[in-house]
Amino acid sequence: MEFSRFLESDLQYHVYVKDAPQFQKTHDTYDHWALFIVEEGAFHYRMGSQSGTAVKDDIVLCPPDLTFYRQTDGLSFHLMGFQWINSLEEPPRAADYPSFGKLRLLNNKRFQSTLSQFREAQYLHAGIGHTYKKHLLRDLLYLLQIEHSEQHTMTLFSEDPTLGRALHLLQQQAEFGLSLKSIAVELGLTQVQLTRRFTREFHITPSAYANNLRMDKVKQLLIYSSLTLAQIAEHCGFTDEHHLSKSFKKLCGVNPSSYRKTHSV
């Protein structure tokens, strides 16, 4: 899917709850989209066939008319209710929406800044505050849509020179299969130290980030080349096409052949 437009949102309400020992209600069914953001603590959730645990900085997006069950032992969180606005003559497709369920933004610095502004907006005059929160939600959902489009891995950035070098090496080596240990050695770190620092900065492990980059390359070859799966596997550092198919389906939810049929131009 080529990303060419933003879906617009209309904020209905925003509440920020700090240090809640539990939810007031164990479940709810909304007539709008509901977006939960965990600031501290964690909660267990279930909606439809999806279930999981949301922790700090996780976003959980629940569509309308789907019962949302939740439970916590302690939590600080944001809850926003909103509707998508169709400002175009052509109706939005299901694929245009960010996936619902548990999401996470890779642009963590921008995300943290937006959360801080949501908290500060509580102290503004009601009318001005609501207008400002609409702007903040729109910005947040723009980020989700950008990162969702074609499921391309976001290019990360760090002011830390060591992590900047780590990103460069990962981006260079990811599609060929990489040795995280060799990268750590080149940076003067142990593999554990590299993983810890990288994950703290970007909220994704270096192995997972590299795997996402490699899968992006696989997707490009599936769509824009006539290479066989065996050739793509060899090109992208998989042991064989079976290894590629298993890894691809685990990350993307479909096998490579189905993805090629659906997305080929």
C-alpha atoms as a PDB file:
ATOM      1  CA  MET A   1       0.000   0.000   0.000  1.00  0.00           C
ATOM      2  CA  GLU A   2       1.410   3.390  -0.983  1.00  0.00           C
ATOM      3  CA  PHE A   3       0.999   5.914   1.800  1.00  0.00           C
ATOM      4  CA  SER A   4      -0.507   9.081   0.276  1.00  0.00           C
ATOM      5  CA  ARG A   5      -2.932  10.523   2.824  1.00  0.00           C
ATOM      6  CA  PHE A   6      -3.601  10.892   6.502  1.00  0.00           C
ATOM      7  CA  LEU A   7      -6.865   9.815   8.073  1.00  0.00           C
ATOM      8  CA  GLU A   8      -8.089  12.618  10.293  1.00  0.00           C
ATOM      9  CA  SER A   9      -9.385  12.172  13.827  1.00  0.00           C
ATOM     10  CA  ASP A  10     -11.878  14.005  16.018  1.00  0.00           C
ATOM     11  CA  LEU A  11     -11.151  13.821  19.746  1.00  0.00           C
ATOM     12  CA  GLN A  12     -14.234  13.359  21.912  1.00  0.00           C
ATOM     13  CA  TYR A  13     -12.532  13.218  25.307  1.00  0.00           C
ATOM     14  CA  HIS A  14      -9.223  12.691  27.060  1.00  0.00           C
ATOM     15  CA  VAL A  15      -8.659  11.675  30.671  1.00  0.00           C
ATOM     16  CA  TYR A  16      -5.411  11.132  32.516  1.00  0.00           C
ATOM     17  CA  VAL A  17      -5.511   8.821  35.531  1.00  0.00           C
ATOM     18  CA  LYS A  18      -2.515   8.593  37.847  1.00  0.00           C
ATOM     19  CA  ASP A  19      -1.799   5.736  40.262  1.00  0.00           C
ATOM     20  CA  ALA A  20      -5.129   3.957  39.856  1.00  0.00           C
ATOM     21  CA  PRO A  21      -5.175   0.761  41.989  1.00  0.00           C
ATOM     22  CA  GLN A  22      -7.673  -0.789  39.560  1.00  0.00           C
ATOM     23  CA  PHE A  23     -10.068   0.065  36.747  1.00  0.00           C
ATOM     24  CA  GLN A  24     -13.480   1.377  37.779  1.00  0.00           C
ATOM     25  CA  LYS A  25     -15.064  -1.080  35.338  1.00  0.00           C
ATOM     26  CA  THR A  26     -13.702  -4.470  34.296  1.00  0.00           C
ATOM     27  CA  HIS A  27     -15.018  -4.113  30.735  1.00  0.00           C
ATOM     28  CA  ASP A  28     -16.659  -1.663  28.375  1.00  0.00           C
ATOM     29  CA  THR A  29     -18.042  -1.498  24.849  1.00  0.00           C
ATOM     30  CA  TYR A  30     -17.455   1.848  23.164  1.00  0.00           C
ATOM     31  CA  ASP A  31     -19.393   3.491  20.333  1.00  0.00           C
ATOM     32  CA  HIS A  32     -16.134   5.181  19.276  1.00  0.00           C
ATOM     33  CA  TRP A  33     -12.458   4.306  19.023  1.00  0.00           C
ATOM     34  CA  ALA A  34     -10.741   4.097  22.416  1.00  0.00           C
ATOM     35  CA  LEU A  35      -7.012   4.608  22.841  1.00  0.00           C
ATOM     36  CA  PHE A  36      -5.179   3.661  26.046  1.00  0.00           C
ATOM     37  CA  ILE A  37      -1.573   4.701  26.724  1.00  0.00           C
ATOM     38  CA  VAL A  38       0.316   3.235  29.682  1.00  0.00           C
ATOM     39  CA  GLU A  39       2.553   5.706  31.527  1.00  0.00           C
ATOM     40  CA  GLU A  40       3.372   3.544  34.541  1.00  0.00           C
ATOM     41  CA  GLY A  41       2.389   0.049  35.630  1.00  0.00           C
ATOM     42  CA  ALA A  42       0.681  -2.491  33.410  1.00  0.00           C
ATOM     43  CA  PHE A  43      -2.710  -3.990  32.613  1.00  0.00           C
ATOM     44  CA  HIS A  44      -4.061  -7.168  31.068  1.00  0.00           C
ATOM     45  CA  TYR A  45      -6.597  -6.815  28.268  1.00  0.00           C
ATOM     46  CA  ARG A  46      -8.782  -8.833  25.927  1.00  0.00           C
ATOM     47  CA  MET A  47     -10.882  -7.768  22.936  1.00  0.00           C
ATOM     48  CA  GLY A  48     -12.216 -10.214  20.427  1.00  0.00           C
ATOM     49  CA  SER A  49      -9.497 -12.758  19.670  1.00  0.00           C
ATOM     50  CA  GLN A  50      -6.723 -10.458  20.904  1.00  0.00           C
ATOM     51  CA  SER A  51      -5.335 -10.504  24.431  1.00  0.00           C
ATOM     52  CA  GLY A  52      -2.117  -9.464  26.085  1.00  0.00           C
ATOM     53  CA  THR A  53      -0.383  -7.304  28.653  1.00  0.00           C
ATOM     54  CA  ALA A  54       0.280  -3.608  28.063  1.00  0.00           C
ATOM     55  CA  VAL A  55       3.248  -2.056  29.868  1.00  0.00           C
ATOM     56  CA  LYS A  56       4.877   1.377  30.021  1.00  0.00           C
ATOM     57  CA  ASP A  57       4.718   3.249  26.670  1.00  0.00           C
ATOM     58  CA  ASP A  58       2.408   0.678  25.071  1.00  0.00           C
ATOM     59  CA  ILE A  59      -0.614   1.959  23.135  1.00  0.00           C
ATOM     60  CA  VAL A  60      -3.759  -0.165  23.029  1.00  0.00           C
ATOM     61  CA  LEU A  61      -6.282   0.785  20.356  1.00  0.00           C
ATOM     62  CA  CYS A  62      -9.819  -0.598  20.603  1.00  0.00           C
ATOM     63  CA  PRO A  63     -12.351  -0.182  17.758  1.00  0.00           C
ATOM     64  CA  PRO A  64     -16.042   0.597  18.305  1.00  0.00           C
ATOM     65  CA  ASP A  65     -18.560  -2.095  19.247  1.00  0.00           C
ATOM     66  CA  LEU A  66     -15.939  -4.535  20.526  1.00  0.00           C
ATOM     67  CA  THR A  67     -16.067  -5.347  24.237  1.00  0.00           C
ATOM     68  CA  PHE A  68     -12.802  -4.411  25.912  1.00  0.00           C
ATOM     69  CA  TYR A  69     -11.902  -6.351  29.068  1.00  0.00           C
ATOM     70  CA  ARG A  70      -9.125  -5.048  31.313  1.00  0.00           C
ATOM     71  CA  GLN A  71      -7.545  -5.696  34.705  1.00  0.00           C
ATOM     72  CA  THR A  72      -4.704  -4.059  36.621  1.00  0.00           C
ATOM     73  CA  ASP A  73      -2.969  -4.068  39.981  1.00  0.00           C
ATOM     74  CA  GLY A  74      -1.807  -0.472  39.573  1.00  0.00           C
ATOM     75  CA  LEU A  75      -1.643   1.885  36.623  1.00  0.00           C
ATOM     76  CA  SER A  76      -1.157   5.453  35.382  1.00  0.00           C
ATOM     77  CA  PHE A  77      -2.680   5.898  31.944  1.00  0.00           C
ATOM     78  CA  HIS A  78      -4.255   8.135  29.329  1.00  0.00           C
ATOM     79  CA  LEU A  79      -7.624   7.262  27.788  1.00  0.00           C
ATOM     80  CA  MET A  80      -8.877   9.005  24.664  1.00  0.00           C
ATOM     81  CA  GLY A  81     -12.120   8.534  22.810  1.00  0.00           C
ATOM     82  CA  PHE A  82     -12.194   9.619  19.175  1.00  0.00           C
ATOM     83  CA  GLN A  83     -13.721   9.037  15.766  1.00  0.00           C
ATOM     84  CA  TRP A  84     -11.986   8.808  12.428  1.00  0.00           C
ATOM     85  CA  ILE A  85     -13.186  11.550  10.063  1.00  0.00           C
ATOM     86  CA  ASN A  86     -13.664  10.775   6.398  1.00  0.00           C
ATOM     87  CA  SER A  87     -12.910  14.104   4.739  1.00  0.00           C
ATOM     88  CA  LEU A  88     -12.475  12.518   1.304  1.00  0.00           C
ATOM     89  CA  GLU A  89     -15.073  11.412  -1.211  1.00  0.00           C
ATOM     90  CA  GLU A  90     -13.421   8.007  -1.414  1.00  0.00           C
ATOM     91  CA  PRO A  91     -14.125   6.064   1.795  1.00  0.00           C
ATOM     92  CA  PRO A  92     -11.099   4.860   3.739  1.00  0.00           C
ATOM     93  CA  ARG A  93     -10.157   1.212   3.383  1.00  0.00           C
ATOM     94  CA  ALA A  94      -9.604  -1.084   6.337  1.00  0.00           C
ATOM     95  CA  ALA A  95      -5.913  -1.239   5.411  1.00  0.00           C
ATOM     96  CA  ASP A  96      -5.674   2.548   5.824  1.00  0.00           C
ATOM     97  CA  TYR A  97      -6.224   2.293   9.563  1.00  0.00           C
ATOM     98  CA  PRO A  98      -3.402   1.493  11.961  1.00  0.00           C
ATOM     99  CA  SER A  99      -3.850  -2.028  13.299  1.00  0.00           C
ATOM    100  CA  PHE A 100      -5.909  -2.166  16.456  1.00  0.00           C
ATOM    101  CA  GLY A 101      -4.631  -3.916  19.545  1.00  0.00           C
ATOM    102  CA  LYS A 102      -1.272  -3.274  21.190  1.00  0.00           C
ATOM    103  CA  LEU A 103       0.970  -0.851  19.328  1.00  0.00           C
ATOM    104  CA  ARG A 104       4.236   0.915  20.044  1.00  0.00           C
ATOM    105  CA  LEU A 105       5.774   3.974  18.445  1.00  0.00           C
ATOM    106  CA  LEU A 106       9.449   3.749  17.517  1.00  0.00           C
ATOM    107  CA  ASN A 107       9.749   7.544  17.567  1.00  0.00           C
ATOM    108  CA  ASN A 108       9.892   7.470  21.348  1.00  0.00           C
ATOM    109  CA  LYS A 109      11.219  10.994  21.934  1.00  0.00           C
ATOM    110  CA  ARG A 110       8.350  12.528  19.955  1.00  0.00           C
ATOM    111  CA  PHE A 111       5.927  10.224  21.776  1.00  0.00           C
ATOM    112  CA  GLN A 112       7.175  11.241  25.230  1.00  0.00           C
ATOM    113  CA  SER A 113       6.951  14.917  24.300  1.00  0.00           C
ATOM    114  CA  THR A 114       3.341  14.451  23.175  1.00  0.00           C
ATOM    115  CA  LEU A 115       2.421  12.688  26.433  1.00  0.00           C
ATOM    116  CA  SER A 116       3.989  15.498  28.443  1.00  0.00           C
ATOM    117  CA  GLN A 117       1.906  18.042  26.541  1.00  0.00           C
ATOM    118  CA  PHE A 118      -1.262  16.014  27.133  1.00  0.00           C
ATOM    119  CA  ARG A 119      -0.596  16.209  30.878  1.00  0.00           C
ATOM    120  CA  GLU A 120       0.069  19.952  30.745  1.00  0.00           C
ATOM    121  CA  ALA A 121      -3.102  20.549  28.704  1.00  0.00           C
ATOM    122  CA  GLN A 122      -5.195  19.501  31.717  1.00  0.00           C
ATOM    123  CA  TYR A 123      -4.469  22.883  33.295  1.00  0.00           C
ATOM    124  CA  LEU A 124      -5.606  24.966  30.328  1.00  0.00           C
ATOM    125  CA  HIS A 125      -9.065  26.524  30.055  1.00  0.00           C
ATOM    126  CA  ALA A 126     -11.526  23.802  29.039  1.00  0.00           C
ATOM    127  CA  GLY A 127     -12.210  25.090  25.515  1.00  0.00           C
ATOM    128  CA  ILE A 128      -8.596  25.859  24.682  1.00  0.00           C
ATOM    129  CA  GLY A 129      -7.423  22.656  26.339  1.00  0.00           C
ATOM    130  CA  HIS A 130      -9.761  20.473  24.277  1.00  0.00           C
ATOM    131  CA  THR A 131      -8.704  22.162  21.030  1.00  0.00           C
ATOM    132  CA  TYR A 132      -5.047  21.684  21.940  1.00  0.00           C
ATOM    133  CA  LYS A 133      -5.643  18.019  22.814  1.00  0.00           C
ATOM    134  CA  LYS A 134      -7.288  17.514  19.414  1.00  0.00           C
ATOM    135  CA  HIS A 135      -4.073  18.747  17.835  1.00  0.00           C
ATOM    136  CA  LEU A 136      -1.966  16.441  20.019  1.00  0.00           C
ATOM    137  CA  LEU A 137      -4.084  13.384  19.213  1.00  0.00           C
ATOM    138  CA  ARG A 138      -3.924  14.185  15.510  1.00  0.00           C
ATOM    139  CA  ASP A 139      -0.134  14.356  15.737  1.00  0.00           C
ATOM    140  CA  LEU A 140       0.004  11.051  17.626  1.00  0.00           C
ATOM    141  CA  LEU A 141      -2.216   9.285  15.093  1.00  0.00           C
ATOM    142  CA  TYR A 142      -0.219  10.746  12.208  1.00  0.00           C
ATOM    143  CA  LEU A 143       2.861   9.076  13.677  1.00  0.00           C
ATOM    144  CA  LEU A 144       1.005   5.764  14.005  1.00  0.00           C
ATOM    145  CA  GLN A 145      -0.181   5.963  10.406  1.00  0.00           C
ATOM    146  CA  ILE A 146       3.288   6.784   9.084  1.00  0.00           C
ATOM    147  CA  GLU A 147       4.844   3.848  10.935  1.00  0.00           C
ATOM    148  CA  HIS A 148       1.955   1.599   9.877  1.00  0.00           C
ATOM    149  CA  SER A 149       2.166   2.457   6.175  1.00  0.00           C
ATOM    150  CA  GLU A 150       3.552  -0.540   4.298  1.00  0.00           C
ATOM    151  CA  GLN A 151       4.817  -1.712   7.706  1.00  0.00           C
ATOM    152  CA  HIS A 152       8.182  -0.179   6.889  1.00  0.00           C
ATOM    153  CA  THR A 153      10.614  -0.051   9.769  1.00  0.00           C
ATOM    154  CA  MET A 154      11.185   3.523  10.937  1.00  0.00           C
ATOM    155  CA  THR A 155      14.661   4.966  10.594  1.00  0.00           C
ATOM    156  CA  LEU A 156      15.853   5.534  14.124  1.00  0.00           C
ATOM    157  CA  PHE A 157      18.102   8.349  15.331  1.00  0.00           C
ATOM    158  CA  SER A 158      20.131   8.829  18.470  1.00  0.00           C
ATOM    159  CA  GLU A 159      22.304  11.664  19.731  1.00  0.00           C
ATOM    160  CA  ASP A 160      24.414   9.004  21.463  1.00  0.00           C
ATOM    161  CA  PRO A 161      27.363   8.441  19.072  1.00  0.00           C
ATOM    162  CA  THR A 162      27.755   4.799  20.103  1.00  0.00           C
ATOM    163  CA  LEU A 163      24.107   4.025  19.419  1.00  0.00           C
ATOM    164  CA  GLY A 164      24.258   6.040  16.203  1.00  0.00           C
ATOM    165  CA  ARG A 165      27.129   3.826  15.079  1.00  0.00           C
ATOM    166  CA  ALA A 166      25.173   0.738  16.160  1.00  0.00           C
ATOM    167  CA  LEU A 167      22.227   1.846  14.003  1.00  0.00           C
ATOM    168  CA  HIS A 168      24.524   2.365  11.026  1.00  0.00           C
ATOM    169  CA  LEU A 169      26.046  -1.101  11.380  1.00  0.00           C
ATOM    170  CA  LEU A 170      22.656  -2.754  11.856  1.00  0.00           C
ATOM    171  CA  GLN A 171      21.252  -1.029   8.767  1.00  0.00           C
ATOM    172  CA  GLN A 172      24.304  -2.073   6.762  1.00  0.00           C
ATOM    173  CA  GLN A 173      24.266  -5.712   7.795  1.00  0.00           C
ATOM    174  CA  ALA A 174      20.615  -6.519   8.571  1.00  0.00           C
ATOM    175  CA  GLU A 175      19.563  -7.856   5.193  1.00  0.00           C
ATOM    176  CA  PHE A 176      22.516 -10.245   5.022  1.00  0.00           C
ATOM    177  CA  GLY A 177      22.032 -11.708   8.489  1.00  0.00           C
ATOM    178  CA  LEU A 178      24.162 -10.199  11.219  1.00  0.00           C
ATOM    179  CA  SER A 179      26.271 -11.125  14.178  1.00  0.00           C
ATOM    180  CA  LEU A 180      25.153  -8.924  17.050  1.00  0.00           C
ATOM    181  CA  LYS A 181      28.217 -10.060  18.977  1.00  0.00           C
ATOM    182  CA  SER A 182      30.587  -8.773  16.282  1.00  0.00           C
ATOM    183  CA  ILE A 183      28.826  -5.407  16.227  1.00  0.00           C
ATOM    184  CA  ALA A 184      29.073  -5.163  20.006  1.00  0.00           C
ATOM    185  CA  VAL A 185      32.787  -5.961  19.862  1.00  0.00           C
ATOM    186  CA  GLU A 186      33.319  -3.262  17.223  1.00  0.00           C
ATOM    187  CA  LEU A 187      31.596  -0.781  19.546  1.00  0.00           C
ATOM    188  CA  GLY A 188      33.647  -1.843  22.561  1.00  0.00           C
ATOM    189  CA  LEU A 189      30.612  -3.325  24.337  1.00  0.00           C
ATOM    190  CA  THR A 190      29.407  -6.742  25.335  1.00  0.00           C
ATOM    191  CA  GLN A 191      26.343  -8.079  23.549  1.00  0.00           C
ATOM    192  CA  VAL A 192      24.332  -7.679  26.762  1.00  0.00           C
ATOM    193  CA  GLN A 193      25.438  -4.050  27.180  1.00  0.00           C
ATOM    194  CA  LEU A 194      24.552  -3.229  23.573  1.00  0.00           C
ATOM    195  CA  THR A 195      21.134  -4.850  23.859  1.00  0.00           C
ATOM    196  CA  ARG A 196      20.386  -3.069  27.135  1.00  0.00           C
ATOM    197  CA  ARG A 197      21.423   0.397  25.893  1.00  0.00           C
ATOM    198  CA  PHE A 198      19.713  -0.011  22.510  1.00  0.00           C
ATOM    199  CA  THR A 199      16.449  -1.232  24.034  1.00  0.00           C
ATOM    200  CA  ARG A 200      16.413   1.547  26.652  1.00  0.00           C
ATOM    201  CA  GLU A 201      16.840   4.185  23.936  1.00  0.00           C
ATOM    202  CA  PHE A 202      14.537   2.830  21.221  1.00  0.00           C
ATOM    203  CA  HIS A 203      12.161   0.428  23.040  1.00  0.00           C
ATOM    204  CA  ILE A 204      13.031  -2.376  20.650  1.00  0.00           C
ATOM    205  CA  THR A 205      15.896  -4.873  20.821  1.00  0.00           C
ATOM    206  CA  PRO A 206      18.661  -4.592  18.191  1.00  0.00           C
ATOM    207  CA  SER A 207      17.874  -8.123  16.992  1.00  0.00           C
ATOM    208  CA  ALA A 208      14.186  -7.283  16.503  1.00  0.00           C
ATOM    209  CA  TYR A 209      15.032  -4.018  14.750  1.00  0.00           C
ATOM    210  CA  ALA A 210      17.467  -5.784  12.416  1.00  0.00           C
ATOM    211  CA  ASN A 211      14.884  -8.467  11.700  1.00  0.00           C
ATOM    212  CA  ASN A 212      12.318  -5.791  10.798  1.00  0.00           C
ATOM    213  CA  LEU A 213      14.826  -4.189   8.422  1.00  0.00           C
ATOM    214  CA  ARG A 214      15.548  -7.555   6.825  1.00  0.00           C
ATOM    215  CA  MET A 215      11.848  -8.254   6.364  1.00  0.00           C
ATOM    216  CA  ASP A 216      11.410  -4.846   4.726  1.00  0.00           C
ATOM    217  CA  LYS A 217      14.006  -5.921   2.158  1.00  0.00           C
ATOM    218  CA  VAL A 218      12.197  -9.235   1.665  1.00  0.00           C
ATOM    219  CA  LYS A 219       8.930  -7.354   1.056  1.00  0.00           C
ATOM    220  CA  GLN A 220      10.570  -5.105  -1.536  1.00  0.00           C
ATOM    221  CA  LEU A 221      11.982  -8.093  -3.391  1.00  0.00           C
ATOM    222  CA  LEU A 222       8.655  -9.930  -3.256  1.00  0.00           C
ATOM    223  CA  ILE A 223       6.823  -6.955  -4.737  1.00  0.00           C
ATOM    224  CA  TYR A 224       9.318  -5.498  -7.186  1.00  0.00           C
ATOM    225  CA  SER A 225      11.426  -8.465  -8.358  1.00  0.00           C
ATOM    226  CA  SER A 226      10.843 -11.817 -10.014  1.00  0.00           C
ATOM    227  CA  LEU A 227      13.319 -13.618  -7.748  1.00  0.00           C
ATOM    228  CA  THR A 228      12.204 -16.988  -6.409  1.00  0.00           C
ATOM    229  CA  LEU A 229      11.775 -17.473  -2.659  1.00  0.00           C
ATOM    230  CA  ALA A 230      15.001 -19.499  -2.625  1.00  0.00           C
ATOM    231  CA  GLN A 231      16.875 -16.621  -4.290  1.00  0.00           C
ATOM    232  CA  ILE A 232      15.361 -14.058  -1.902  1.00  0.00           C
ATOM    233  CA  ALA A 233      16.273 -16.256   1.062  1.00  0.00           C
ATOM    234  CA  GLU A 234      19.886 -16.462  -0.124  1.00  0.00           C
ATOM    235  CA  HIS A 235      20.026 -12.724  -0.818  1.00  0.00           C
ATOM    236  CA  CYS A 236      18.674 -11.792   2.627  1.00  0.00           C
ATOM    237  CA  GLY A 237      20.706 -14.165   4.767  1.00  0.00           C
ATOM    238  CA  PHE A 238      18.203 -16.965   5.476  1.00  0.00           C
ATOM    239  CA  THR A 239      19.396 -20.554   5.453  1.00  0.00           C
ATOM    240  CA  ASP A 240      16.753 -21.551   2.875  1.00  0.00           C
ATOM    241  CA  GLU A 241      13.254 -20.645   1.651  1.00  0.00           C
ATOM    242  CA  HIS A 242      11.616 -22.651   4.452  1.00  0.00           C
ATOM    243  CA  HIS A 243      13.465 -20.584   7.047  1.00  0.00           C
ATOM    244  CA  LEU A 244      12.385 -17.436   5.193  1.00  0.00           C
ATOM    245  CA  SER A 245       8.731 -18.514   4.994  1.00  0.00           C
ATOM    246  CA  LYS A 246       8.568 -19.424   8.683  1.00  0.00           C
ATOM    247  CA  SER A 247      10.199 -16.151   9.791  1.00  0.00           C
ATOM    248  CA  PHE A 248       8.101 -14.052   7.410  1.00  0.00           C
ATOM    249  CA  LYS A 249       4.799 -15.552   8.500  1.00  0.00           C
ATOM    250  CA  LYS A 250       5.696 -15.172  12.178  1.00  0.00           C
ATOM    251  CA  LEU A 251       6.354 -11.440  11.749  1.00  0.00           C
ATOM    252  CA  CYS A 252       3.846 -10.507   9.042  1.00  0.00           C
ATOM    253  CA  GLY A 253       1.006 -12.969   9.598  1.00  0.00           C
ATOM    254  CA  VAL A 254       0.976 -14.304   6.013  1.00  0.00           C
ATOM    255  CA  ASN A 255       3.374 -16.439   3.991  1.00  0.00           C
ATOM    256  CA  PRO A 256       5.629 -14.765   1.383  1.00  0.00           C
ATOM    257  CA  SER A 257       3.749 -16.176  -1.604  1.00  0.00           C
ATOM    258  CA  SER A 258       0.425 -14.768  -0.394  1.00  0.00           C
ATOM    259  CA  TYR A 259       2.049 -11.417   0.365  1.00  0.00           C
ATOM    260  CA  ARG A 260       3.497 -11.295  -3.181  1.00  0.00           C
ATOM    261  CA  LYS A 261       0.122 -12.050  -4.778  1.00  0.00           C
ATOM    262  CA  THR A 262      -1.641  -9.409  -2.692  1.00  0.00           C
ATOM    263  CA  HIS A 263       0.905  -6.589  -3.093  1.00  0.00           C
ATOM    264  CA  SER A 264       2.461  -7.084  -6.522  1.00  0.00           C
ATOM    265  CA  VAL A 265       1.977  -4.169  -8.892  1.00  0.00           C
END
